[in-house]
């Protein structure tokens, strides 16, 4: 979950979430929970997916591995 590896991305998501839905953000360490499928802000999730590439995620993950 890229949101937890990048504080700026996390802050952006939390700030943007209310502009896409009126539902309360219910987020754990590795998931975002929705009570109904109609509550999912697909446009926001799409924007989130554009903000971190696979290479960036792998780099962030590997930089935090204990060696």
N, C-alpha and C. Protein backbone atom coordinates (compact mmCIF):
# COMPACT_ATOMS: atom_id res chain seq x y z
N UNK A 1 0.86 -1.17 0.00
CA UNK A 1 0.00 0.00 0.00
C UNK A 1 0.91 1.23 0.00
N UNK A 2 0.97 1.88 -1.13
CA UNK A 2 1.84 3.03 -1.30
C UNK A 2 1.53 4.18 -0.38
N UNK A 3 0.29 4.26 0.11
CA UNK A 3 -0.07 5.38 0.99
C UNK A 3 0.78 5.43 2.24
N UNK A 4 1.16 4.27 2.76
CA UNK A 4 1.92 4.24 4.01
C UNK A 4 3.41 4.38 3.80
N UNK A 5 3.85 4.23 2.55
CA UNK A 5 5.28 4.39 2.31
C UNK A 5 5.64 5.82 1.94
N UNK A 6 4.64 6.63 1.67
CA UNK A 6 4.88 8.01 1.25
C UNK A 6 3.93 8.96 2.00
N UNK A 7 4.43 9.64 3.03
CA UNK A 7 3.57 10.53 3.82
C UNK A 7 2.87 11.61 2.98
N UNK A 8 3.53 12.11 1.94
CA UNK A 8 2.89 13.12 1.09
C UNK A 8 1.71 12.54 0.34
N UNK A 9 1.85 11.31 -0.13
CA UNK A 9 0.76 10.64 -0.84
C UNK A 9 -0.39 10.36 0.13
N UNK A 10 -0.06 9.93 1.33
CA UNK A 10 -1.08 9.70 2.36
C UNK A 10 -1.85 10.98 2.66
N UNK A 11 -1.13 12.07 2.88
CA UNK A 11 -1.78 13.35 3.17
C UNK A 11 -2.66 13.80 2.02
N UNK A 12 -2.18 13.62 0.79
CA UNK A 12 -2.98 13.98 -0.38
C UNK A 12 -4.28 13.19 -0.40
N UNK A 13 -4.20 11.88 -0.17
CA UNK A 13 -5.39 11.03 -0.22
C UNK A 13 -6.40 11.43 0.85
N UNK A 14 -5.94 11.60 2.06
CA UNK A 14 -6.83 11.98 3.17
C UNK A 14 -7.49 13.35 2.89
N UNK A 15 -6.74 14.26 2.33
CA UNK A 15 -7.25 15.59 2.01
C UNK A 15 -8.28 15.53 0.86
N UNK A 16 -8.03 14.70 -0.14
CA UNK A 16 -8.90 14.61 -1.31
C UNK A 16 -10.15 13.77 -1.09
N UNK A 17 -10.08 12.80 -0.21
CA UNK A 17 -11.18 11.85 0.00
C UNK A 17 -12.54 12.52 0.18
N UNK A 18 -12.66 13.53 1.03
CA UNK A 18 -13.98 14.15 1.23
C UNK A 18 -14.53 14.87 0.00
N UNK A 19 -13.68 15.21 -0.96
CA UNK A 19 -14.18 15.89 -2.16
C UNK A 19 -14.79 14.90 -3.15
N UNK A 20 -14.56 13.60 -2.94
CA UNK A 20 -15.08 12.57 -3.85
C UNK A 20 -16.25 11.80 -3.26
N UNK A 21 -16.45 11.87 -1.96
CA UNK A 21 -17.53 11.11 -1.31
C UNK A 21 -17.92 11.79 0.00
N UNK A 22 -19.14 11.51 0.42
CA UNK A 22 -19.58 12.04 1.72
C UNK A 22 -19.47 10.98 2.82
N UNK A 23 -18.89 9.83 2.47
CA UNK A 23 -18.69 8.76 3.44
C UNK A 23 -17.44 9.03 4.28
N UNK A 24 -17.48 8.59 5.53
CA UNK A 24 -16.32 8.73 6.41
C UNK A 24 -15.21 7.79 5.93
N UNK A 25 -13.97 8.27 5.95
CA UNK A 25 -12.83 7.44 5.55
C UNK A 25 -12.58 6.38 6.61
N UNK A 26 -12.62 5.12 6.21
CA UNK A 26 -12.38 3.98 7.10
C UNK A 26 -11.17 3.24 6.53
N UNK A 27 -10.00 3.55 7.07
CA UNK A 27 -8.77 3.04 6.51
C UNK A 27 -7.91 2.39 7.58
N UNK A 28 -7.37 1.21 7.27
CA UNK A 28 -6.46 0.53 8.16
C UNK A 28 -5.04 0.69 7.66
N UNK A 29 -4.15 -0.18 8.09
CA UNK A 29 -2.75 -0.08 7.68
C UNK A 29 -2.54 -0.52 6.23
N UNK A 30 -3.38 -1.40 5.73
CA UNK A 30 -3.17 -1.87 4.36
C UNK A 30 -4.46 -1.97 3.56
N UNK A 31 -5.51 -1.32 4.00
CA UNK A 31 -6.76 -1.38 3.25
C UNK A 31 -7.62 -0.14 3.49
N UNK A 32 -8.50 0.09 2.54
CA UNK A 32 -9.52 1.11 2.68
C UNK A 32 -10.84 0.35 2.63
N UNK A 33 -11.66 0.49 3.66
CA UNK A 33 -12.89 -0.29 3.77
C UNK A 33 -14.11 0.53 3.35
N UNK A 34 -15.00 -0.13 2.62
CA UNK A 34 -16.25 0.48 2.18
C UNK A 34 -17.39 -0.45 2.56
N UNK A 35 -18.50 0.11 3.04
CA UNK A 35 -19.65 -0.70 3.44
C UNK A 35 -20.44 -1.17 2.23
N UNK A 36 -20.50 -0.34 1.19
CA UNK A 36 -21.25 -0.67 -0.02
C UNK A 36 -20.37 -0.41 -1.23
N UNK A 37 -20.56 -1.21 -2.25
CA UNK A 37 -19.78 -1.03 -3.47
C UNK A 37 -20.05 0.34 -4.10
N UNK A 38 -21.24 0.87 -3.88
CA UNK A 38 -21.58 2.19 -4.43
C UNK A 38 -20.87 3.32 -3.70
N UNK A 39 -20.25 3.02 -2.55
CA UNK A 39 -19.52 4.04 -1.78
C UNK A 39 -18.09 4.24 -2.28
N UNK A 40 -17.60 3.37 -3.15
CA UNK A 40 -16.21 3.43 -3.60
C UNK A 40 -16.01 4.62 -4.54
N UNK A 41 -15.11 5.54 -4.20
CA UNK A 41 -14.82 6.68 -5.09
C UNK A 41 -13.81 6.27 -6.17
N UNK A 42 -14.32 5.64 -7.22
CA UNK A 42 -13.45 5.09 -8.26
C UNK A 42 -12.53 6.13 -8.90
N UNK A 43 -13.03 7.33 -9.10
CA UNK A 43 -12.19 8.37 -9.71
C UNK A 43 -11.00 8.70 -8.81
N UNK A 44 -11.24 8.78 -7.52
CA UNK A 44 -10.15 9.05 -6.57
C UNK A 44 -9.15 7.89 -6.56
N UNK A 45 -9.64 6.67 -6.55
CA UNK A 45 -8.76 5.50 -6.57
C UNK A 45 -7.92 5.52 -7.85
N UNK A 46 -8.54 5.89 -8.97
CA UNK A 46 -7.81 6.00 -10.23
C UNK A 46 -6.71 7.05 -10.15
N UNK A 47 -7.01 8.18 -9.55
CA UNK A 47 -5.99 9.23 -9.38
C UNK A 47 -4.86 8.74 -8.48
N UNK A 48 -5.20 8.00 -7.45
CA UNK A 48 -4.20 7.45 -6.54
C UNK A 48 -3.27 6.50 -7.29
N UNK A 49 -3.81 5.67 -8.16
CA UNK A 49 -3.00 4.70 -8.90
C UNK A 49 -1.99 5.39 -9.83
N UNK A 50 -2.30 6.58 -10.27
CA UNK A 50 -1.40 7.33 -11.15
C UNK A 50 -0.25 7.98 -10.40
N UNK A 51 -0.36 8.08 -9.09
CA UNK A 51 0.60 8.85 -8.30
C UNK A 51 1.86 8.08 -7.92
N UNK A 52 1.85 6.75 -8.04
CA UNK A 52 3.03 5.96 -7.70
C UNK A 52 3.19 4.82 -8.70
N UNK A 53 4.36 4.76 -9.31
CA UNK A 53 4.63 3.69 -10.26
C UNK A 53 5.03 2.42 -9.51
N UNK A 54 5.03 1.31 -10.22
CA UNK A 54 5.46 0.05 -9.63
C UNK A 54 6.92 0.15 -9.20
N UNK A 55 7.75 0.76 -10.01
CA UNK A 55 9.17 0.92 -9.65
C UNK A 55 9.34 1.75 -8.38
N UNK A 56 8.54 2.81 -8.26
CA UNK A 56 8.61 3.65 -7.05
C UNK A 56 8.19 2.86 -5.82
N UNK A 57 7.15 2.03 -5.95
CA UNK A 57 6.68 1.22 -4.82
C UNK A 57 7.75 0.21 -4.42
N UNK A 58 8.34 -0.47 -5.40
CA UNK A 58 9.38 -1.46 -5.10
C UNK A 58 10.57 -0.78 -4.42
N UNK A 59 10.95 0.37 -4.91
CA UNK A 59 12.06 1.11 -4.31
C UNK A 59 11.75 1.50 -2.87
N UNK A 60 10.55 1.98 -2.62
CA UNK A 60 10.15 2.36 -1.26
C UNK A 60 10.14 1.13 -0.35
N UNK A 61 9.63 0.03 -0.86
CA UNK A 61 9.57 -1.22 -0.08
C UNK A 61 10.98 -1.71 0.26
N UNK A 62 11.81 -1.78 -0.76
CA UNK A 62 13.17 -2.28 -0.54
C UNK A 62 13.99 -1.39 0.36
N UNK A 63 13.74 -0.10 0.34
CA UNK A 63 14.51 0.81 1.19
C UNK A 63 14.17 0.63 2.68
N UNK A 64 13.05 0.00 2.97
CA UNK A 64 12.63 -0.19 4.36
C UNK A 64 12.89 -1.61 4.87
N UNK A 65 13.40 -2.49 4.01
CA UNK A 65 13.71 -3.85 4.45
C UNK A 65 14.89 -3.83 5.41
N UNK A 66 14.79 -4.66 6.43
CA UNK A 66 15.91 -4.79 7.35
C UNK A 66 16.93 -5.73 6.72
N UNK A 67 18.16 -5.30 6.72
CA UNK A 67 19.21 -6.12 6.11
C UNK A 67 20.10 -6.73 7.14
